[in-house]
Each structure stands twice: as structure tokens, then as C-alpha cells.
Amino acid sequence: MKGLRWTEAELAAYCAKGKTTEPKITEQDFQRWIVNCAIVLGWSHYHTWNSFHSQAGFPDLVLIRPPRIIFAEVKNATGKVTVTQDIWLTQLAKCPGVETYLWRPADMDRIGEILK
């Protein structure tokens, strides 16, 4: 991986790499794209790989780059948000300084801007 000194053009090119308008992009591939962009832009990330014993609905991604923290639910173009996912995002959004998002592939440009 390249060092932490990226030009704006390099960042834009990296985050655009693999970007697609294909509506059938999988949630897993989309989440991988988000995580890779976040890493390039200096964010730490957390994702629960096996949520078998975890409370239902917790967001897919936690991204941290002080002083910011983001909780993001990741869905493909047609994925449905469950009631418990909505409750988690709503409750987290009520906490000062916490950013919450529901991200879909159509949001790729916006995600790049948010993570900058």
C-alpha cells in the first residue's frame, strides 16, 4: 500500500477503481470498496465478521478517524433495512458527534466526499 501522502488525483483514482454503476454489485464487494477507500484516506475500521452471538441490527461498519466516528449500514441496491438496523442507526444518530449512514452503491461519490 502506498504511504499516507496521496495527492487528490491519486485518492480520486483509487476510490474510483472498481467503482461501478452495475446495480447487481454485491453487498460484500461494495463494503470491501468502502473499507479500501477508508484505509487509503486514513480511517480505522471495524466490521463484525461473524455476528452469530451479537445483538441484531448493529451497523456493518464502524469507521474512526479522530475526531470523527461513523457507523454505516451497507446495503446493495435492493437490500432492505431491518427494524433493528433502523433502531440502531436512529439511536446512534442521537449521540453528539456520531455520524450514521445507510450506504448503497448509488452513494459511492458521496461516500468518497464524506470520507475525505
N, C-alpha and C. Protein backbone atom coordinates (compact mmCIF):
# COMPACT_ATOMS: atom_id res chain seq x y z
N MET A 1 0.85 -1.19 0.00
CA MET A 1 0.00 0.00 0.00
C MET A 1 0.89 1.24 0.00
N LYS A 2 0.46 2.22 -0.71
CA LYS A 2 1.17 3.49 -0.78
C LYS A 2 1.16 4.16 0.59
N GLY A 3 2.14 5.02 0.84
CA GLY A 3 2.21 5.75 2.11
C GLY A 3 1.02 6.67 2.32
N LEU A 4 1.07 7.47 3.36
CA LEU A 4 -0.05 8.33 3.71
C LEU A 4 -0.12 9.62 2.89
N ARG A 5 0.85 9.89 2.06
CA ARG A 5 0.88 11.13 1.29
C ARG A 5 0.36 10.90 -0.12
N TRP A 6 -0.93 11.11 -0.29
CA TRP A 6 -1.59 10.93 -1.58
C TRP A 6 -2.02 12.29 -2.10
N THR A 7 -1.90 12.47 -3.40
CA THR A 7 -2.46 13.68 -3.99
C THR A 7 -3.97 13.49 -4.14
N GLU A 8 -4.69 14.58 -4.33
CA GLU A 8 -6.14 14.48 -4.54
C GLU A 8 -6.45 13.60 -5.75
N ALA A 9 -5.64 13.73 -6.81
CA ALA A 9 -5.86 12.93 -8.02
C ALA A 9 -5.66 11.44 -7.74
N GLU A 10 -4.63 11.12 -6.95
CA GLU A 10 -4.38 9.71 -6.61
C GLU A 10 -5.52 9.15 -5.76
N LEU A 11 -6.00 9.94 -4.81
CA LEU A 11 -7.12 9.49 -3.97
C LEU A 11 -8.36 9.26 -4.82
N ALA A 12 -8.66 10.19 -5.69
CA ALA A 12 -9.84 10.06 -6.54
C ALA A 12 -9.73 8.83 -7.43
N ALA A 13 -8.53 8.61 -7.99
CA ALA A 13 -8.33 7.46 -8.87
C ALA A 13 -8.47 6.15 -8.10
N TYR A 14 -7.92 6.09 -6.90
CA TYR A 14 -8.01 4.86 -6.11
C TYR A 14 -9.45 4.56 -5.74
N CYS A 15 -10.17 5.56 -5.25
CA CYS A 15 -11.55 5.34 -4.82
C CYS A 15 -12.47 5.07 -6.01
N ALA A 16 -12.08 5.54 -7.19
CA ALA A 16 -12.89 5.26 -8.39
C ALA A 16 -12.60 3.87 -8.93
N LYS A 17 -11.45 3.31 -8.57
CA LYS A 17 -11.07 1.99 -9.05
C LYS A 17 -12.09 0.96 -8.58
N GLY A 18 -12.62 0.22 -9.49
CA GLY A 18 -13.59 -0.80 -9.13
C GLY A 18 -15.00 -0.26 -8.96
N LYS A 19 -15.14 1.04 -9.04
CA LYS A 19 -16.46 1.65 -8.90
C LYS A 19 -17.31 1.24 -10.10
N THR A 20 -18.57 0.99 -9.86
CA THR A 20 -19.44 0.51 -10.91
C THR A 20 -20.82 1.12 -10.79
N THR A 21 -21.48 1.21 -11.88
CA THR A 21 -22.88 1.61 -11.85
C THR A 21 -23.76 0.37 -11.95
N GLU A 22 -23.13 -0.79 -12.01
CA GLU A 22 -23.85 -2.06 -12.08
C GLU A 22 -24.74 -2.23 -10.85
N PRO A 23 -26.05 -2.34 -11.05
CA PRO A 23 -26.95 -2.45 -9.90
C PRO A 23 -26.79 -3.77 -9.14
N LYS A 24 -26.12 -4.76 -9.73
CA LYS A 24 -26.01 -6.06 -9.08
C LYS A 24 -24.73 -6.23 -8.27
N ILE A 25 -24.04 -5.14 -7.95
CA ILE A 25 -22.85 -5.25 -7.11
C ILE A 25 -23.28 -5.86 -5.78
N THR A 26 -22.51 -6.81 -5.29
CA THR A 26 -22.88 -7.46 -4.04
C THR A 26 -22.60 -6.55 -2.86
N GLU A 27 -23.29 -6.79 -1.78
CA GLU A 27 -23.05 -6.02 -0.56
C GLU A 27 -21.61 -6.22 -0.09
N GLN A 28 -21.12 -7.45 -0.19
CA GLN A 28 -19.75 -7.75 0.23
C GLN A 28 -18.73 -6.96 -0.60
N ASP A 29 -18.89 -6.94 -1.92
CA ASP A 29 -17.97 -6.19 -2.77
C ASP A 29 -18.06 -4.70 -2.51
N PHE A 30 -19.26 -4.20 -2.31
CA PHE A 30 -19.46 -2.79 -2.01
C PHE A 30 -18.81 -2.42 -0.68
N GLN A 31 -19.01 -3.26 0.32
CA GLN A 31 -18.39 -2.99 1.62
C GLN A 31 -16.86 -3.03 1.52
N ARG A 32 -16.34 -3.95 0.74
CA ARG A 32 -14.88 -4.03 0.54
C ARG A 32 -14.38 -2.74 -0.10
N TRP A 33 -15.11 -2.20 -1.06
CA TRP A 33 -14.74 -0.94 -1.70
C TRP A 33 -14.71 0.19 -0.67
N ILE A 34 -15.74 0.26 0.19
CA ILE A 34 -15.79 1.30 1.23
C ILE A 34 -14.59 1.19 2.15
N VAL A 35 -14.31 -0.02 2.63
CA VAL A 35 -13.20 -0.23 3.56
C VAL A 35 -11.87 0.15 2.91
N ASN A 36 -11.66 -0.24 1.65
CA ASN A 36 -10.41 0.11 0.97
C ASN A 36 -10.26 1.62 0.83
N CYS A 37 -11.33 2.31 0.47
CA CYS A 37 -11.27 3.77 0.38
C CYS A 37 -10.98 4.38 1.75
N ALA A 38 -11.63 3.86 2.77
CA ALA A 38 -11.42 4.38 4.13
C ALA A 38 -9.96 4.21 4.55
N ILE A 39 -9.39 3.06 4.29
CA ILE A 39 -7.99 2.81 4.65
C ILE A 39 -7.07 3.80 3.95
N VAL A 40 -7.28 3.99 2.65
CA VAL A 40 -6.46 4.92 1.88
C VAL A 40 -6.56 6.34 2.45
N LEU A 41 -7.73 6.69 2.95
CA LEU A 41 -7.95 8.03 3.47
C LEU A 41 -7.65 8.16 4.96
N GLY A 42 -7.04 7.14 5.55
CA GLY A 42 -6.55 7.24 6.92
C GLY A 42 -7.53 6.86 8.01
N TRP A 43 -8.60 6.14 7.67
CA TRP A 43 -9.59 5.72 8.66
C TRP A 43 -9.23 4.34 9.20
N SER A 44 -9.52 4.11 10.46
CA SER A 44 -9.51 2.76 11.03
C SER A 44 -10.93 2.23 10.89
N HIS A 45 -11.04 0.92 10.78
CA HIS A 45 -12.37 0.35 10.58
C HIS A 45 -12.58 -0.91 11.42
N TYR A 46 -13.84 -1.18 11.67
CA TYR A 46 -14.23 -2.41 12.36
C TYR A 46 -15.47 -2.97 11.69
N HIS A 47 -15.47 -4.27 11.51
CA HIS A 47 -16.63 -4.99 10.98
C HIS A 47 -16.71 -6.33 11.71
N THR A 48 -17.87 -6.66 12.24
CA THR A 48 -18.06 -7.95 12.89
C THR A 48 -18.24 -9.00 11.81
N TRP A 49 -17.27 -9.92 11.70
CA TRP A 49 -17.31 -10.93 10.65
C TRP A 49 -18.37 -11.98 10.90
N ASN A 50 -18.50 -12.40 12.14
CA ASN A 50 -19.49 -13.43 12.47
C ASN A 50 -20.35 -12.89 13.60
N SER A 51 -21.54 -12.47 13.27
CA SER A 51 -22.40 -11.83 14.26
C SER A 51 -23.36 -12.81 14.92
N PHE A 52 -23.05 -14.10 14.86
CA PHE A 52 -23.94 -15.14 15.37
C PHE A 52 -24.39 -14.89 16.81
N HIS A 53 -23.49 -14.49 17.68
CA HIS A 53 -23.83 -14.24 19.09
C HIS A 53 -23.96 -12.75 19.41
N SER A 54 -24.00 -11.91 18.40
CA SER A 54 -24.10 -10.47 18.61
C SER A 54 -25.56 -10.01 18.55
N GLN A 55 -25.81 -8.86 19.14
CA GLN A 55 -27.15 -8.30 19.09
C GLN A 55 -27.51 -7.92 17.66
N ALA A 56 -28.71 -8.23 17.25
CA ALA A 56 -29.16 -7.97 15.88
C ALA A 56 -29.20 -6.47 15.58
N GLY A 57 -28.88 -6.16 14.33
CA GLY A 57 -29.08 -4.80 13.84
C GLY A 57 -27.90 -3.85 13.95
N PHE A 58 -26.84 -4.23 14.67
CA PHE A 58 -25.70 -3.31 14.81
C PHE A 58 -25.13 -3.01 13.43
N PRO A 59 -24.77 -1.76 13.15
CA PRO A 59 -24.29 -1.39 11.81
C PRO A 59 -23.11 -2.22 11.33
N ASP A 60 -23.01 -2.36 10.03
CA ASP A 60 -21.98 -3.17 9.40
C ASP A 60 -20.57 -2.65 9.64
N LEU A 61 -20.41 -1.34 9.58
CA LEU A 61 -19.07 -0.75 9.68
C LEU A 61 -19.00 0.34 10.74
N VAL A 62 -17.88 0.36 11.44
CA VAL A 62 -17.53 1.47 12.32
C VAL A 62 -16.22 2.02 11.75
N LEU A 63 -16.21 3.29 11.40
CA LEU A 63 -15.03 3.95 10.85
C LEU A 63 -14.62 5.07 11.79
N ILE A 64 -13.33 5.13 12.10
CA ILE A 64 -12.83 6.14 13.04
C ILE A 64 -11.60 6.82 12.44
N ARG A 65 -11.66 8.12 12.42
CA ARG A 65 -10.51 8.98 12.12
C ARG A 65 -10.72 10.20 12.99
N PRO A 66 -10.10 10.21 14.19
CA PRO A 66 -10.37 11.30 15.14
C PRO A 66 -10.26 12.66 14.48
N PRO A 67 -11.23 13.51 14.78
CA PRO A 67 -12.23 13.41 15.84
C PRO A 67 -13.56 12.81 15.39
N ARG A 68 -13.57 12.15 14.22
CA ARG A 68 -14.84 11.66 13.68
C ARG A 68 -15.02 10.17 13.91
N ILE A 69 -16.29 9.76 14.08
CA ILE A 69 -16.66 8.36 14.12
C ILE A 69 -17.93 8.18 13.29
N ILE A 70 -17.89 7.15 12.45
CA ILE A 70 -19.00 6.86 11.55
C ILE A 70 -19.50 5.44 11.80
N PHE A 71 -20.82 5.30 11.88
CA PHE A 71 -21.47 3.99 11.89
C PHE A 71 -22.24 3.90 10.59
N ALA A 72 -21.96 2.87 9.78
CA ALA A 72 -22.60 2.76 8.48
C ALA A 72 -23.24 1.39 8.29
N GLU A 73 -24.46 1.40 7.84
CA GLU A 73 -25.14 0.19 7.40
C GLU A 73 -24.94 0.12 5.89
N VAL A 74 -24.50 -1.01 5.40
CA VAL A 74 -24.17 -1.18 3.99
C VAL A 74 -25.19 -2.12 3.35
N LYS A 75 -25.78 -1.66 2.27
CA LYS A 75 -26.77 -2.46 1.54
C LYS A 75 -26.47 -2.41 0.05
N ASN A 76 -26.82 -3.47 -0.66
CA ASN A 76 -26.74 -3.39 -2.11
C ASN A 76 -27.92 -2.55 -2.61
N ALA A 77 -28.08 -2.47 -3.90
CA ALA A 77 -29.10 -1.56 -4.45
C ALA A 77 -30.51 -1.90 -4.00
N THR A 78 -30.77 -3.15 -3.71
CA THR A 78 -32.14 -3.56 -3.37
C THR A 78 -32.30 -4.07 -1.94
N GLY A 79 -31.22 -4.04 -1.16
CA GLY A 79 -31.26 -4.58 0.20
C GLY A 79 -32.23 -3.81 1.10
N LYS A 80 -32.91 -4.53 1.94
CA LYS A 80 -33.88 -3.94 2.87
C LYS A 80 -33.23 -3.71 4.24
N VAL A 81 -33.58 -2.60 4.86
CA VAL A 81 -33.12 -2.29 6.22
C VAL A 81 -34.11 -2.93 7.19
N THR A 82 -33.58 -3.68 8.16
CA THR A 82 -34.46 -4.31 9.14
C THR A 82 -34.87 -3.28 10.19
N VAL A 83 -35.88 -3.61 10.95
CA VAL A 83 -36.33 -2.73 12.03
C VAL A 83 -35.21 -2.52 13.03
N THR A 84 -34.49 -3.58 13.40
CA THR A 84 -33.41 -3.42 14.39
C THR A 84 -32.26 -2.60 13.84
N GLN A 85 -31.96 -2.70 12.55
CA GLN A 85 -30.92 -1.86 11.95
C GLN A 85 -31.33 -0.40 12.00
N ASP A 86 -32.58 -0.13 11.70
CA ASP A 86 -33.09 1.24 11.75
C ASP A 86 -33.03 1.79 13.18
N ILE A 87 -33.37 0.98 14.15
CA ILE A 87 -33.32 1.41 15.55
C ILE A 87 -31.89 1.76 15.95
N TRP A 88 -30.93 0.90 15.60
CA TRP A 88 -29.53 1.19 15.93
C TRP A 88 -29.08 2.51 15.31
N LEU A 89 -29.33 2.69 14.02
CA LEU A 89 -28.89 3.92 13.35
C LEU A 89 -29.55 5.15 13.95
N THR A 90 -30.83 5.03 14.28
CA THR A 90 -31.56 6.15 14.87
C THR A 90 -31.01 6.51 16.25
N GLN A 91 -30.75 5.50 17.07
CA GLN A 91 -30.22 5.76 18.41
C GLN A 91 -28.80 6.33 18.36
N LEU A 92 -27.97 5.77 17.50
CA LEU A 92 -26.60 6.28 17.37
C LEU A 92 -26.59 7.72 16.86
N ALA A 93 -27.50 8.05 15.96
CA ALA A 93 -27.57 9.40 15.41
C ALA A 93 -27.93 10.44 16.47
N LYS A 94 -28.53 10.01 17.55
CA LYS A 94 -28.89 10.93 18.63
C LYS A 94 -27.70 11.25 19.54
N CYS A 95 -26.58 10.59 19.33
CA CYS A 95 -25.38 10.83 20.15
C CYS A 95 -24.56 11.95 19.51
N PRO A 96 -24.22 12.99 20.30
CA PRO A 96 -23.46 14.11 19.74
C PRO A 96 -22.14 13.65 19.11
N GLY A 97 -21.89 14.16 17.93
CA GLY A 97 -20.62 13.88 17.25
C GLY A 97 -20.58 12.58 16.48
N VAL A 98 -21.63 11.77 16.57
CA VAL A 98 -21.65 10.49 15.86
C VAL A 98 -22.33 10.68 14.51
N GLU A 99 -21.70 10.17 13.47
CA GLU A 99 -22.28 10.22 12.13
C GLU A 99 -22.83 8.83 11.80
N THR A 100 -24.04 8.78 11.27
CA THR A 100 -24.62 7.50 10.86
C THR A 100 -25.09 7.59 9.42
N TYR A 101 -24.90 6.49 8.70
CA TYR A 101 -25.27 6.47 7.28
C TYR A 101 -25.83 5.11 6.90
N LEU A 102 -26.73 5.14 5.93
CA LEU A 102 -27.15 3.96 5.20
C LEU A 102 -26.59 4.14 3.80
N TRP A 103 -25.62 3.29 3.44
CA TRP A 103 -24.93 3.46 2.17
C TRP A 103 -25.30 2.37 1.18
N ARG A 104 -25.54 2.79 -0.06
CA ARG A 104 -25.83 1.90 -1.19
C ARG A 104 -24.86 2.25 -2.32
N PRO A 105 -24.68 1.36 -3.31
CA PRO A 105 -23.76 1.65 -4.41
C PRO A 105 -24.02 2.99 -5.10
N ALA A 106 -25.25 3.44 -5.14
CA ALA A 106 -25.55 4.74 -5.77
C ALA A 106 -24.92 5.90 -5.01
N ASP A 107 -24.47 5.66 -3.76
CA ASP A 107 -23.88 6.70 -2.92
C ASP A 107 -22.36 6.79 -3.03
N MET A 108 -21.75 6.07 -3.95
CA MET A 108 -20.29 5.98 -4.00
C MET A 108 -19.60 7.35 -4.05
N ASP A 109 -20.08 8.24 -4.90
CA ASP A 109 -19.45 9.58 -4.98
C ASP A 109 -19.57 10.30 -3.64
N ARG A 110 -20.74 10.24 -3.03
CA ARG A 110 -20.98 10.90 -1.74
C ARG A 110 -20.11 10.29 -0.64
N ILE A 111 -19.94 8.97 -0.66
CA ILE A 111 -19.11 8.30 0.34
C ILE A 111 -17.67 8.81 0.25
N GLY A 112 -17.16 8.94 -0.97
CA GLY A 112 -15.81 9.48 -1.15
C GLY A 112 -15.66 10.86 -0.54
N GLU A 113 -16.67 11.69 -0.74
CA GLU A 113 -16.63 13.05 -0.18
C GLU A 113 -16.71 13.01 1.35
N ILE A 114 -17.56 12.16 1.89
CA ILE A 114 -17.71 12.06 3.35
C ILE A 114 -16.41 11.60 4.00
N LEU A 115 -15.73 10.66 3.37
CA LEU A 115 -14.51 10.10 3.96
C LEU A 115 -13.29 11.01 3.80
N LYS A 116 -13.37 11.99 2.88
CA LYS A 116 -12.22 12.91 2.72
C LYS A 116 -12.11 13.75 3.95
